[in-house]
């Protein structure tokens, strides 16, 4: 089968277009529209509490802002540690918006592609971005799973269970990066001779135990910050501060539910999957009604936060490019 030169030219034009700032804006607008549609759907099925303790509203807002700041900071730290690419905090915040808003489009890969295209304009290679993104996903799943296991299996368990899981968690910080390095070495040896650059790529995906543990700590803090939003929503809807086992349960269940929604690749934002898992795990302790209220409220708060930060990313991107044009015009 012979591919005509016109088709090749068309494909090249599409690739070039998706490398432009206009394509990034189109992506953000499409993702924002997807988020708005999802928000409207959630409002239709929302289960509202009888009383909302609005005096704790500022607490919820603080938790959301804290999560976003930490999320951007961890991505900034990841890029610097893994591939040696320094970026500013507000650039990292824009990338965070691209990633989190992108989950409202089917496939959930568009945020990753948008980050790569944005960094490409600064001279960063696609290999560097995808390397950092891959490590980001590995550490996100690992740290979230550890936190979730602590919540699900350590509440009301004997002390030896706690000691065993603590030991297992520490050992995983050694075994996983070591096993991953061996896997990458095997892939490099097997594929490097066939595809040019493959050996170098998989070598970049390897992390030392110390580097892995440092990044793991950042992603674990990220999960704790995300769980704190659910905790503040429990306070907002009940007026009672959760303590002890309930506090641990809320933070850990949120991680498990988020991971389940993340793994549901073709569900925009993990809609339905995340809420179902959260309700199932929280119902035995909080009751069905409160579990449903928390799951839907958490979804609404996160969608609104994603939309606001996404709109902010569009405005910030436009102003930054406008200021660059003005500077270039002067010289």
C-alpha atoms as a PDB file:
ATOM      1  CA  UNK A   1       0.000   0.000   0.000  1.00  0.00           C
ATOM      2  CA  UNK A   2       1.443   3.354  -1.083  1.00  0.00           C
ATOM      3  CA  UNK A   3       0.616   6.430   0.974  1.00  0.00           C
ATOM      4  CA  UNK A   4       0.183   9.531  -1.141  1.00  0.00           C
ATOM      5  CA  UNK A   5       2.316  12.590  -0.535  1.00  0.00           C
ATOM      6  CA  UNK A   6      -0.849  14.641   0.108  1.00  0.00           C
ATOM      7  CA  UNK A   7      -1.803  12.412   3.053  1.00  0.00           C
ATOM      8  CA  UNK A   8       1.717  12.613   4.452  1.00  0.00           C
ATOM      9  CA  UNK A   9       1.607  16.383   4.134  1.00  0.00           C
ATOM     10  CA  UNK A  10      -1.794  16.482   5.883  1.00  0.00           C
ATOM     11  CA  UNK A  11      -0.499  14.409   8.800  1.00  0.00           C
ATOM     12  CA  UNK A  12       2.562  16.663   9.110  1.00  0.00           C
ATOM     13  CA  UNK A  13       0.329  19.760   9.140  1.00  0.00           C
ATOM     14  CA  UNK A  14      -1.803  18.256  11.920  1.00  0.00           C
ATOM     15  CA  UNK A  15       1.304  17.478  13.983  1.00  0.00           C
ATOM     16  CA  UNK A  16       2.630  21.002  13.445  1.00  0.00           C
ATOM     17  CA  UNK A  17      -0.726  22.482  14.468  1.00  0.00           C
ATOM     18  CA  UNK A  18      -0.822  20.496  17.685  1.00  0.00           C
ATOM     19  CA  UNK A  19       2.583  21.983  18.515  1.00  0.00           C
ATOM     20  CA  UNK A  20       1.205  25.530  18.506  1.00  0.00           C
ATOM     21  CA  UNK A  21      -0.129  27.595  21.432  1.00  0.00           C
ATOM     22  CA  UNK A  22      -3.515  27.695  19.685  1.00  0.00           C
ATOM     23  CA  UNK A  23      -3.857  23.922  19.942  1.00  0.00           C
ATOM     24  CA  UNK A  24      -3.028  24.051  23.656  1.00  0.00           C
ATOM     25  CA  UNK A  25      -5.736  26.662  24.173  1.00  0.00           C
ATOM     26  CA  UNK A  26      -8.202  24.580  22.154  1.00  0.00           C
ATOM     27  CA  UNK A  27      -7.380  21.591  24.318  1.00  0.00           C
ATOM     28  CA  UNK A  28      -7.898  23.566  27.529  1.00  0.00           C
ATOM     29  CA  UNK A  29     -11.217  24.983  26.305  1.00  0.00           C
ATOM     30  CA  UNK A  30     -12.453  21.515  25.274  1.00  0.00           C
ATOM     31  CA  UNK A  31     -11.400  20.066  28.627  1.00  0.00           C
ATOM     32  CA  UNK A  32     -13.105  22.924  30.487  1.00  0.00           C
ATOM     33  CA  UNK A  33     -16.325  22.307  28.555  1.00  0.00           C
ATOM     34  CA  UNK A  34     -16.071  18.627  29.454  1.00  0.00           C
ATOM     35  CA  UNK A  35     -15.663  19.583  33.103  1.00  0.00           C
ATOM     36  CA  UNK A  36     -18.676  21.905  32.964  1.00  0.00           C
ATOM     37  CA  UNK A  37     -20.795  19.137  31.439  1.00  0.00           C
ATOM     38  CA  UNK A  38     -19.683  16.754  34.173  1.00  0.00           C
ATOM     39  CA  UNK A  39     -20.450  19.381  36.828  1.00  0.00           C
ATOM     40  CA  UNK A  40     -23.974  19.834  35.463  1.00  0.00           C
ATOM     41  CA  UNK A  41     -24.528  16.076  35.546  1.00  0.00           C
ATOM     42  CA  UNK A  42     -23.319  15.850  39.141  1.00  0.00           C
ATOM     43  CA  UNK A  43     -25.611  18.675  40.249  1.00  0.00           C
ATOM     44  CA  UNK A  44     -28.567  16.668  38.948  1.00  0.00           C
ATOM     45  CA  UNK A  45     -27.736  13.640  41.137  1.00  0.00           C
ATOM     46  CA  UNK A  46     -26.247  15.457  44.132  1.00  0.00           C
ATOM     47  CA  UNK A  47     -27.346  14.371  47.594  1.00  0.00           C
ATOM     48  CA  UNK A  48     -27.352  17.465  49.773  1.00  0.00           C
ATOM     49  CA  UNK A  49     -26.873  17.432  53.559  1.00  0.00           C
ATOM     50  CA  UNK A  50     -29.664  18.743  55.753  1.00  0.00           C
ATOM     51  CA  UNK A  51     -27.364  21.366  57.268  1.00  0.00           C
ATOM     52  CA  UNK A  52     -24.137  22.856  55.881  1.00  0.00           C
ATOM     53  CA  UNK A  53     -21.856  24.418  58.467  1.00  0.00           C
ATOM     54  CA  UNK A  54     -20.651  27.324  56.361  1.00  0.00           C
ATOM     55  CA  UNK A  55     -18.249  28.591  59.035  1.00  0.00           C
ATOM     56  CA  UNK A  56     -15.933  25.784  57.904  1.00  0.00           C
ATOM     57  CA  UNK A  57     -16.073  26.834  54.241  1.00  0.00           C
ATOM     58  CA  UNK A  58     -12.747  28.658  54.491  1.00  0.00           C
ATOM     59  CA  UNK A  59     -11.215  25.433  55.805  1.00  0.00           C
ATOM     60  CA  UNK A  60     -12.289  23.594  52.644  1.00  0.00           C
ATOM     61  CA  UNK A  61     -10.896  26.352  50.421  1.00  0.00           C
ATOM     62  CA  UNK A  62      -7.582  26.296  52.263  1.00  0.00           C
ATOM     63  CA  UNK A  63      -7.315  22.522  51.830  1.00  0.00           C
ATOM     64  CA  UNK A  64      -8.015  22.795  48.078  1.00  0.00           C
ATOM     65  CA  UNK A  65      -5.422  25.547  47.609  1.00  0.00           C
ATOM     66  CA  UNK A  66      -2.905  23.588  49.665  1.00  0.00           C
ATOM     67  CA  UNK A  67      -3.381  20.538  47.473  1.00  0.00           C
ATOM     68  CA  UNK A  68      -2.910  22.506  44.264  1.00  0.00           C
ATOM     69  CA  UNK A  69       0.234  24.220  45.547  1.00  0.00           C
ATOM     70  CA  UNK A  70       1.700  20.879  46.626  1.00  0.00           C
ATOM     71  CA  UNK A  71       0.654  19.168  43.375  1.00  0.00           C
ATOM     72  CA  UNK A  72       2.464  21.790  41.287  1.00  0.00           C
ATOM     73  CA  UNK A  73       5.493  21.783  43.573  1.00  0.00           C
ATOM     74  CA  UNK A  74       5.897  18.003  43.381  1.00  0.00           C
ATOM     75  CA  UNK A  75       5.773  18.081  39.553  1.00  0.00           C
ATOM     76  CA  UNK A  76       8.366  20.872  39.592  1.00  0.00           C
ATOM     77  CA  UNK A  77      10.578  18.796  41.907  1.00  0.00           C
ATOM     78  CA  UNK A  78      10.046  15.670  39.782  1.00  0.00           C
ATOM     79  CA  UNK A  79      11.236  17.363  36.582  1.00  0.00           C
ATOM     80  CA  UNK A  80      14.301  18.762  38.285  1.00  0.00           C
ATOM     81  CA  UNK A  81      15.269  15.475  39.971  1.00  0.00           C
ATOM     82  CA  UNK A  82      14.564  12.983  37.186  1.00  0.00           C
ATOM     83  CA  UNK A  83      15.542  14.792  33.977  1.00  0.00           C
ATOM     84  CA  UNK A  84      17.256  17.955  35.223  1.00  0.00           C
ATOM     85  CA  UNK A  85      14.668  20.365  33.774  1.00  0.00           C
ATOM     86  CA  UNK A  86      14.037  23.442  35.974  1.00  0.00           C
ATOM     87  CA  UNK A  87      10.686  25.215  35.595  1.00  0.00           C
ATOM     88  CA  UNK A  88       9.069  28.014  37.560  1.00  0.00           C
ATOM     89  CA  UNK A  89       6.263  27.387  40.029  1.00  0.00           C
ATOM     90  CA  UNK A  90       3.582  29.095  37.943  1.00  0.00           C
ATOM     91  CA  UNK A  91       4.603  27.072  34.886  1.00  0.00           C
ATOM     92  CA  UNK A  92       4.284  23.934  37.029  1.00  0.00           C
ATOM     93  CA  UNK A  93       0.862  25.151  38.144  1.00  0.00           C
ATOM     94  CA  UNK A  94      -0.207  25.563  34.525  1.00  0.00           C
ATOM     95  CA  UNK A  95       0.993  22.038  33.791  1.00  0.00           C
ATOM     96  CA  UNK A  96      -1.001  20.784  36.775  1.00  0.00           C
ATOM     97  CA  UNK A  97      -4.093  22.440  35.331  1.00  0.00           C
ATOM     98  CA  UNK A  98      -3.441  20.822  31.954  1.00  0.00           C
ATOM     99  CA  UNK A  99      -3.165  17.407  33.569  1.00  0.00           C
ATOM    100  CA  UNK A 100      -6.102  17.576  35.973  1.00  0.00           C
ATOM    101  CA  UNK A 101      -8.490  19.286  33.563  1.00  0.00           C
ATOM    102  CA  UNK A 102      -7.457  16.827  30.837  1.00  0.00           C
ATOM    103  CA  UNK A 103      -9.083  13.936  32.687  1.00  0.00           C
ATOM    104  CA  UNK A 104     -12.476  15.253  31.608  1.00  0.00           C
ATOM    105  CA  UNK A 105     -11.702  14.255  28.020  1.00  0.00           C
ATOM    106  CA  UNK A 106     -11.972  10.554  27.082  1.00  0.00           C
ATOM    107  CA  UNK A 107      -8.664   8.698  27.299  1.00  0.00           C
ATOM    108  CA  UNK A 108      -7.108  10.916  30.000  1.00  0.00           C
ATOM    109  CA  UNK A 109      -3.856  11.264  28.013  1.00  0.00           C
ATOM    110  CA  UNK A 110      -4.495  14.762  26.703  1.00  0.00           C
ATOM    111  CA  UNK A 111      -3.120  16.495  29.766  1.00  0.00           C
ATOM    112  CA  UNK A 112       0.162  14.623  29.388  1.00  0.00           C
ATOM    113  CA  UNK A 113       0.356  15.544  25.688  1.00  0.00           C
ATOM    114  CA  UNK A 114      -0.425  19.183  26.472  1.00  0.00           C
ATOM    115  CA  UNK A 115       2.326  19.348  29.094  1.00  0.00           C
ATOM    116  CA  UNK A 116       4.781  17.866  26.615  1.00  0.00           C
ATOM    117  CA  UNK A 117       3.810  20.365  23.921  1.00  0.00           C
ATOM    118  CA  UNK A 118       4.070  23.257  26.371  1.00  0.00           C
ATOM    119  CA  UNK A 119       7.546  22.232  27.525  1.00  0.00           C
ATOM    120  CA  UNK A 120       8.663  21.628  23.949  1.00  0.00           C
ATOM    121  CA  UNK A 121       8.411  25.373  23.348  1.00  0.00           C
ATOM    122  CA  UNK A 122      11.155  25.855  25.978  1.00  0.00           C
ATOM    123  CA  UNK A 123      13.528  23.356  24.377  1.00  0.00           C
ATOM    124  CA  UNK A 124      12.644  20.402  26.604  1.00  0.00           C
ATOM    125  CA  UNK A 125      12.554  17.111  24.680  1.00  0.00           C
ATOM    126  CA  UNK A 126       9.560  14.779  24.519  1.00  0.00           C
ATOM    127  CA  UNK A 127      11.704  12.020  26.030  1.00  0.00           C
ATOM    128  CA  UNK A 128      12.374  14.117  29.129  1.00  0.00           C
ATOM    129  CA  UNK A 129       8.709  14.968  29.660  1.00  0.00           C
ATOM    130  CA  UNK A 130       7.450  11.420  29.178  1.00  0.00           C
ATOM    131  CA  UNK A 131      10.197  10.078  31.443  1.00  0.00           C
ATOM    132  CA  UNK A 132       9.110  12.394  34.262  1.00  0.00           C
ATOM    133  CA  UNK A 133       5.453  11.613  33.570  1.00  0.00           C
ATOM    134  CA  UNK A 134       6.040   7.858  33.707  1.00  0.00           C
ATOM    135  CA  UNK A 135       7.863   8.167  37.031  1.00  0.00           C
ATOM    136  CA  UNK A 136       5.066  10.429  38.251  1.00  0.00           C
ATOM    137  CA  UNK A 137       2.460   7.743  37.530  1.00  0.00           C
ATOM    138  CA  UNK A 138       4.505   4.957  39.166  1.00  0.00           C
ATOM    139  CA  UNK A 139       5.051   6.972  42.349  1.00  0.00           C
ATOM    140  CA  UNK A 140       1.461   8.211  42.461  1.00  0.00           C
ATOM    141  CA  UNK A 141       0.090   4.658  42.335  1.00  0.00           C
ATOM    142  CA  UNK A 142       2.683   3.302  44.782  1.00  0.00           C
ATOM    143  CA  UNK A 143       2.236   6.020  47.417  1.00  0.00           C
ATOM    144  CA  UNK A 144      -1.557   5.998  47.056  1.00  0.00           C
ATOM    145  CA  UNK A 145      -1.710   2.214  47.431  1.00  0.00           C
ATOM    146  CA  UNK A 146       0.451   2.310  50.572  1.00  0.00           C
ATOM    147  CA  UNK A 147      -1.731   5.011  52.112  1.00  0.00           C
ATOM    148  CA  UNK A 148      -4.914   3.170  51.192  1.00  0.00           C
ATOM    149  CA  UNK A 149      -3.700  -0.101  52.668  1.00  0.00           C
ATOM    150  CA  UNK A 150      -2.893   1.637  55.919  1.00  0.00           C
ATOM    151  CA  UNK A 151      -6.446   2.946  56.101  1.00  0.00           C
ATOM    152  CA  UNK A 152      -8.219  -0.266  55.133  1.00  0.00           C
ATOM    153  CA  UNK A 153      -6.231  -2.795  57.135  1.00  0.00           C
ATOM    154  CA  UNK A 154      -4.835  -0.970  60.139  1.00  0.00           C
ATOM    155  CA  UNK A 155      -8.004   0.419  61.704  1.00  0.00           C
ATOM    156  CA  UNK A 156      -8.898  -1.701  64.741  1.00  0.00           C
ATOM    157  CA  UNK A 157      -6.123  -4.168  63.929  1.00  0.00           C
ATOM    158  CA  UNK A 158      -3.624  -5.568  66.455  1.00  0.00           C
ATOM    159  CA  UNK A 159      -0.259  -3.888  66.889  1.00  0.00           C
ATOM    160  CA  UNK A 160       1.621  -6.593  64.988  1.00  0.00           C
ATOM    161  CA  UNK A 161      -0.462  -5.826  61.878  1.00  0.00           C
ATOM    162  CA  UNK A 162       0.673  -2.232  62.074  1.00  0.00           C
ATOM    163  CA  UNK A 163       4.306  -3.230  62.523  1.00  0.00           C
ATOM    164  CA  UNK A 164       4.097  -5.706  59.614  1.00  0.00           C
ATOM    165  CA  UNK A 165       2.557  -3.233  57.195  1.00  0.00           C
ATOM    166  CA  UNK A 166       5.031  -0.540  58.227  1.00  0.00           C
ATOM    167  CA  UNK A 167       7.880  -2.949  57.518  1.00  0.00           C
ATOM    168  CA  UNK A 168       6.319  -3.929  54.173  1.00  0.00           C
ATOM    169  CA  UNK A 169       5.923  -0.269  53.198  1.00  0.00           C
ATOM    170  CA  UNK A 170       9.567   0.473  53.963  1.00  0.00           C
ATOM    171  CA  UNK A 171      10.753  -2.642  52.127  1.00  0.00           C
ATOM    172  CA  UNK A 172       8.675  -1.648  49.066  1.00  0.00           C
ATOM    173  CA  UNK A 173      10.713   1.572  48.846  1.00  0.00           C
ATOM    174  CA  UNK A 174      13.768  -0.616  48.274  1.00  0.00           C
ATOM    175  CA  UNK A 175      12.321  -3.496  46.263  1.00  0.00           C
ATOM    176  CA  UNK A 176      10.264  -1.492  43.749  1.00  0.00           C
ATOM    177  CA  UNK A 177      13.030   0.866  42.493  1.00  0.00           C
ATOM    178  CA  UNK A 178      15.558  -2.015  42.427  1.00  0.00           C
ATOM    179  CA  UNK A 179      13.168  -4.302  40.534  1.00  0.00           C
ATOM    180  CA  UNK A 180      12.233  -1.460  38.224  1.00  0.00           C
ATOM    181  CA  UNK A 181      15.897  -0.768  37.476  1.00  0.00           C
ATOM    182  CA  UNK A 182      16.484  -4.446  36.594  1.00  0.00           C
ATOM    183  CA  UNK A 183      13.420  -4.393  34.337  1.00  0.00           C
ATOM    184  CA  UNK A 184      14.620  -1.254  32.576  1.00  0.00           C
ATOM    185  CA  UNK A 185      18.087  -2.742  32.100  1.00  0.00           C
ATOM    186  CA  UNK A 186      16.560  -5.885  30.595  1.00  0.00           C
ATOM    187  CA  UNK A 187      14.406  -3.828  28.238  1.00  0.00           C
ATOM    188  CA  UNK A 188      17.394  -1.701  27.266  1.00  0.00           C
ATOM    189  CA  UNK A 189      19.496  -4.742  26.450  1.00  0.00           C
ATOM    190  CA  UNK A 190      16.688  -6.407  24.514  1.00  0.00           C
ATOM    191  CA  UNK A 191      15.355  -3.437  22.573  1.00  0.00           C
ATOM    192  CA  UNK A 192      18.339  -1.119  22.354  1.00  0.00           C
ATOM    193  CA  UNK A 193      19.884  -2.996  19.466  1.00  0.00           C
ATOM    194  CA  UNK A 194      16.644  -2.828  17.464  1.00  0.00           C
ATOM    195  CA  UNK A 195      15.465   0.735  18.048  1.00  0.00           C
ATOM    196  CA  UNK A 196      17.966   3.547  18.193  1.00  0.00           C
ATOM    197  CA  UNK A 197      17.767   5.470  21.445  1.00  0.00           C
ATOM    198  CA  UNK A 198      15.703   2.874  23.319  1.00  0.00           C
ATOM    199  CA  UNK A 199      18.572   1.859  25.615  1.00  0.00           C
ATOM    200  CA  UNK A 200      19.155   5.482  26.573  1.00  0.00           C
ATOM    201  CA  UNK A 201      15.437   6.050  27.160  1.00  0.00           C
ATOM    202  CA  UNK A 202      14.939   3.112  29.528  1.00  0.00           C
ATOM    203  CA  UNK A 203      18.163   4.015  31.323  1.00  0.00           C
ATOM    204  CA  UNK A 204      16.669   7.434  32.110  1.00  0.00           C
ATOM    205  CA  UNK A 205      13.630   5.715  33.639  1.00  0.00           C
ATOM    206  CA  UNK A 206      15.779   4.147  36.358  1.00  0.00           C
ATOM    207  CA  UNK A 207      15.969   5.829  39.762  1.00  0.00           C
ATOM    208  CA  UNK A 208      18.239   5.164  42.712  1.00  0.00           C
ATOM    209  CA  UNK A 209      16.609   4.025  45.950  1.00  0.00           C
ATOM    210  CA  UNK A 210      17.403   7.362  47.609  1.00  0.00           C
ATOM    211  CA  UNK A 211      15.946   9.429  44.752  1.00  0.00           C
ATOM    212  CA  UNK A 212      12.885   7.194  44.615  1.00  0.00           C
ATOM    213  CA  UNK A 213      12.312   7.541  48.369  1.00  0.00           C
ATOM    214  CA  UNK A 214      12.629  11.344  48.188  1.00  0.00           C
ATOM    215  CA  UNK A 215      10.070  11.560  45.412  1.00  0.00           C
ATOM    216  CA  UNK A 216       7.854   9.014  47.187  1.00  0.00           C
ATOM    217  CA  UNK A 217       7.690  11.330  50.204  1.00  0.00           C
ATOM    218  CA  UNK A 218       6.500  14.177  47.982  1.00  0.00           C
ATOM    219  CA  UNK A 219       3.755  12.116  46.362  1.00  0.00           C
ATOM    220  CA  UNK A 220       2.665  10.737  49.735  1.00  0.00           C
ATOM    221  CA  UNK A 221       2.292  14.319  51.008  1.00  0.00           C
ATOM    222  CA  UNK A 222       0.292  15.032  47.863  1.00  0.00           C
ATOM    223  CA  UNK A 223      -2.127  12.206  48.736  1.00  0.00           C
ATOM    224  CA  UNK A 224      -2.416  13.466  52.307  1.00  0.00           C
ATOM    225  CA  UNK A 225      -3.242  16.956  51.029  1.00  0.00           C
ATOM    226  CA  UNK A 226      -5.897  15.516  48.722  1.00  0.00           C
ATOM    227  CA  UNK A 227      -7.359  13.469  51.571  1.00  0.00           C
ATOM    228  CA  UNK A 228      -7.497  16.573  53.762  1.00  0.00           C
ATOM    229  CA  UNK A 229     -10.099  17.992  51.352  1.00  0.00           C
ATOM    230  CA  UNK A 230     -12.417  15.060  52.086  1.00  0.00           C
ATOM    231  CA  UNK A 231     -11.780  15.527  55.813  1.00  0.00           C
ATOM    232  CA  UNK A 232     -12.774  19.202  55.643  1.00  0.00           C
ATOM    233  CA  UNK A 233     -15.919  18.264  53.685  1.00  0.00           C
ATOM    234  CA  UNK A 234     -16.840  15.864  56.469  1.00  0.00           C
ATOM    235  CA  UNK A 235     -16.494  18.784  58.900  1.00  0.00           C
ATOM    236  CA  UNK A 236     -18.478  21.083  56.593  1.00  0.00           C
ATOM    237  CA  UNK A 237     -21.401  18.662  56.284  1.00  0.00           C
ATOM    238  CA  UNK A 238     -21.520  17.391  59.871  1.00  0.00           C
ATOM    239  CA  UNK A 239     -19.945  20.113  61.993  1.00  0.00           C
ATOM    240  CA  UNK A 240     -17.860  17.449  63.743  1.00  0.00           C
ATOM    241  CA  UNK A 241     -14.075  17.109  63.502  1.00  0.00           C
ATOM    242  CA  UNK A 242     -13.106  13.499  62.632  1.00  0.00           C
ATOM    243  CA  UNK A 243     -10.415  12.026  64.853  1.00  0.00           C
ATOM    244  CA  UNK A 244      -8.516   8.754  65.194  1.00  0.00           C
ATOM    245  CA  UNK A 245      -9.727   5.870  63.007  1.00  0.00           C
ATOM    246  CA  UNK A 246     -12.289   7.968  61.124  1.00  0.00           C
ATOM    247  CA  UNK A 247      -9.633  10.512  60.148  1.00  0.00           C
ATOM    248  CA  UNK A 248      -7.346   7.757  58.843  1.00  0.00           C
ATOM    249  CA  UNK A 249     -10.272   6.115  57.044  1.00  0.00           C
ATOM    250  CA  UNK A 250     -11.264   9.275  55.167  1.00  0.00           C
ATOM    251  CA  UNK A 251      -7.721   9.990  53.950  1.00  0.00           C
ATOM    252  CA  UNK A 252      -7.029   6.389  52.919  1.00  0.00           C
ATOM    253  CA  UNK A 253     -10.398   5.695  51.290  1.00  0.00           C
ATOM    254  CA  UNK A 254     -10.026   8.849  49.237  1.00  0.00           C
ATOM    255  CA  UNK A 255      -6.697   7.535  47.874  1.00  0.00           C
ATOM    256  CA  UNK A 256      -8.191   4.128  47.000  1.00  0.00           C
ATOM    257  CA  UNK A 257     -11.209   5.717  45.298  1.00  0.00           C
ATOM    258  CA  UNK A 258      -9.032   8.132  43.323  1.00  0.00           C
ATOM    259  CA  UNK A 259      -6.783   5.309  42.126  1.00  0.00           C
ATOM    260  CA  UNK A 260      -9.829   3.282  41.040  1.00  0.00           C
ATOM    261  CA  UNK A 261     -11.139   6.252  39.055  1.00  0.00           C
ATOM    262  CA  UNK A 262      -7.692   6.837  37.552  1.00  0.00           C
ATOM    263  CA  UNK A 263      -7.456   3.219  36.348  1.00  0.00           C
ATOM    264  CA  UNK A 264     -10.844   3.531  34.642  1.00  0.00           C
ATOM    265  CA  UNK A 265      -9.166   5.016  31.568  1.00  0.00           C
ATOM    266  CA  UNK A 266     -12.257   5.639  29.451  1.00  0.00           C
ATOM    267  CA  UNK A 267     -14.371   7.180  32.210  1.00  0.00           C
ATOM    268  CA  UNK A 268     -13.964  10.993  32.135  1.00  0.00           C
ATOM    269  CA  UNK A 269     -12.536  11.931  35.508  1.00  0.00           C
ATOM    270  CA  UNK A 270     -13.289   8.425  36.768  1.00  0.00           C
ATOM    271  CA  UNK A 271     -16.943   9.455  37.039  1.00  0.00           C
ATOM    272  CA  UNK A 272     -19.045   6.844  38.785  1.00  0.00           C
ATOM    273  CA  UNK A 273     -16.106   4.577  39.581  1.00  0.00           C
ATOM    274  CA  UNK A 274     -14.565   6.862  42.176  1.00  0.00           C
ATOM    275  CA  UNK A 275     -17.902   7.619  43.824  1.00  0.00           C
ATOM    276  CA  UNK A 276     -18.959   3.972  43.883  1.00  0.00           C
ATOM    277  CA  UNK A 277     -15.737   2.844  45.567  1.00  0.00           C
ATOM    278  CA  UNK A 278     -15.874   5.685  48.082  1.00  0.00           C
ATOM    279  CA  UNK A 279     -19.495   4.962  49.021  1.00  0.00           C
ATOM    280  CA  UNK A 280     -18.809   1.237  49.384  1.00  0.00           C
ATOM    281  CA  UNK A 281     -15.838   1.774  51.699  1.00  0.00           C
ATOM    282  CA  UNK A 282     -17.316   4.582  53.804  1.00  0.00           C
ATOM    283  CA  UNK A 283     -20.843   3.216  54.288  1.00  0.00           C
ATOM    284  CA  UNK A 284     -19.974   0.706  57.073  1.00  0.00           C
ATOM    285  CA  UNK A 285     -18.529   3.519  59.208  1.00  0.00           C
ATOM    286  CA  UNK A 286     -20.505   6.620  58.197  1.00  0.00           C
ATOM    287  CA  UNK A 287     -23.765   5.217  56.873  1.00  0.00           C
ATOM    288  CA  UNK A 288     -25.047   5.223  53.294  1.00  0.00           C
ATOM    289  CA  UNK A 289     -26.466   8.750  53.350  1.00  0.00           C
ATOM    290  CA  UNK A 290     -23.296  10.466  54.627  1.00  0.00           C
ATOM    291  CA  UNK A 291     -21.086   8.352  52.353  1.00  0.00           C
ATOM    292  CA  UNK A 292     -23.104   9.478  49.314  1.00  0.00           C
ATOM    293  CA  UNK A 293     -23.032  13.102  50.455  1.00  0.00           C
ATOM    294  CA  UNK A 294     -19.240  13.021  50.843  1.00  0.00           C
ATOM    295  CA  UNK A 295     -18.583  11.284  47.520  1.00  0.00           C
ATOM    296  CA  UNK A 296     -20.724  13.688  45.488  1.00  0.00           C
ATOM    297  CA  UNK A 297     -19.560  16.780  47.392  1.00  0.00           C
ATOM    298  CA  UNK A 298     -15.925  15.777  46.888  1.00  0.00           C
ATOM    299  CA  UNK A 299     -16.573  15.424  43.160  1.00  0.00           C
ATOM    300  CA  UNK A 300     -18.285  18.827  42.954  1.00  0.00           C
ATOM    301  CA  UNK A 301     -15.529  20.613  44.873  1.00  0.00           C
ATOM    302  CA  UNK A 302     -12.751  19.053  42.788  1.00  0.00           C
ATOM    303  CA  UNK A 303     -14.501  19.778  39.466  1.00  0.00           C
ATOM    304  CA  UNK A 304     -15.058  23.420  40.449  1.00  0.00           C
ATOM    305  CA  UNK A 305     -11.423  23.728  41.575  1.00  0.00           C
ATOM    306  CA  UNK A 306     -10.194  22.131  38.343  1.00  0.00           C
ATOM    307  CA  UNK A 307     -12.313  24.490  36.259  1.00  0.00           C
ATOM    308  CA  UNK A 308     -11.135  27.584  38.129  1.00  0.00           C
ATOM    309  CA  UNK A 309      -7.479  26.639  37.878  1.00  0.00           C
ATOM    310  CA  UNK A 310      -7.975  25.684  34.208  1.00  0.00           C
ATOM    311  CA  UNK A 311      -9.486  29.092  33.431  1.00  0.00           C
ATOM    312  CA  UNK A 312      -6.622  30.677  35.342  1.00  0.00           C
ATOM    313  CA  UNK A 313      -4.148  28.706  33.220  1.00  0.00           C
ATOM    314  CA  UNK A 314      -5.724  30.038  30.015  1.00  0.00           C
ATOM    315  CA  UNK A 315      -5.606  33.643  31.285  1.00  0.00           C
ATOM    316  CA  UNK A 316      -2.056  33.263  32.602  1.00  0.00           C
ATOM    317  CA  UNK A 317      -0.888  31.707  29.322  1.00  0.00           C
ATOM    318  CA  UNK A 318      -2.393  34.567  27.309  1.00  0.00           C
ATOM    319  CA  UNK A 319      -0.821  37.257  29.510  1.00  0.00           C
ATOM    320  CA  UNK A 320       2.574  35.554  29.484  1.00  0.00           C
ATOM    321  CA  UNK A 321       2.589  35.289  25.719  1.00  0.00           C
ATOM    322  CA  UNK A 322       1.377  38.880  25.418  1.00  0.00           C
ATOM    323  CA  UNK A 323       4.193  40.146  27.651  1.00  0.00           C
ATOM    324  CA  UNK A 324       6.738  38.136  25.648  1.00  0.00           C
ATOM    325  CA  UNK A 325       5.467  39.668  22.413  1.00  0.00           C
ATOM    326  CA  UNK A 326       5.713  43.154  23.911  1.00  0.00           C
ATOM    327  CA  UNK A 327       9.303  42.542  25.033  1.00  0.00           C
ATOM    328  CA  UNK A 328      10.260  41.182  21.609  1.00  0.00           C
ATOM    329  CA  UNK A 329       8.654  44.200  19.915  1.00  0.00           C
ATOM    330  CA  UNK A 330      10.802  46.589  21.952  1.00  0.00           C
ATOM    331  CA  UNK A 331      13.978  44.934  20.773  1.00  0.00           C
END
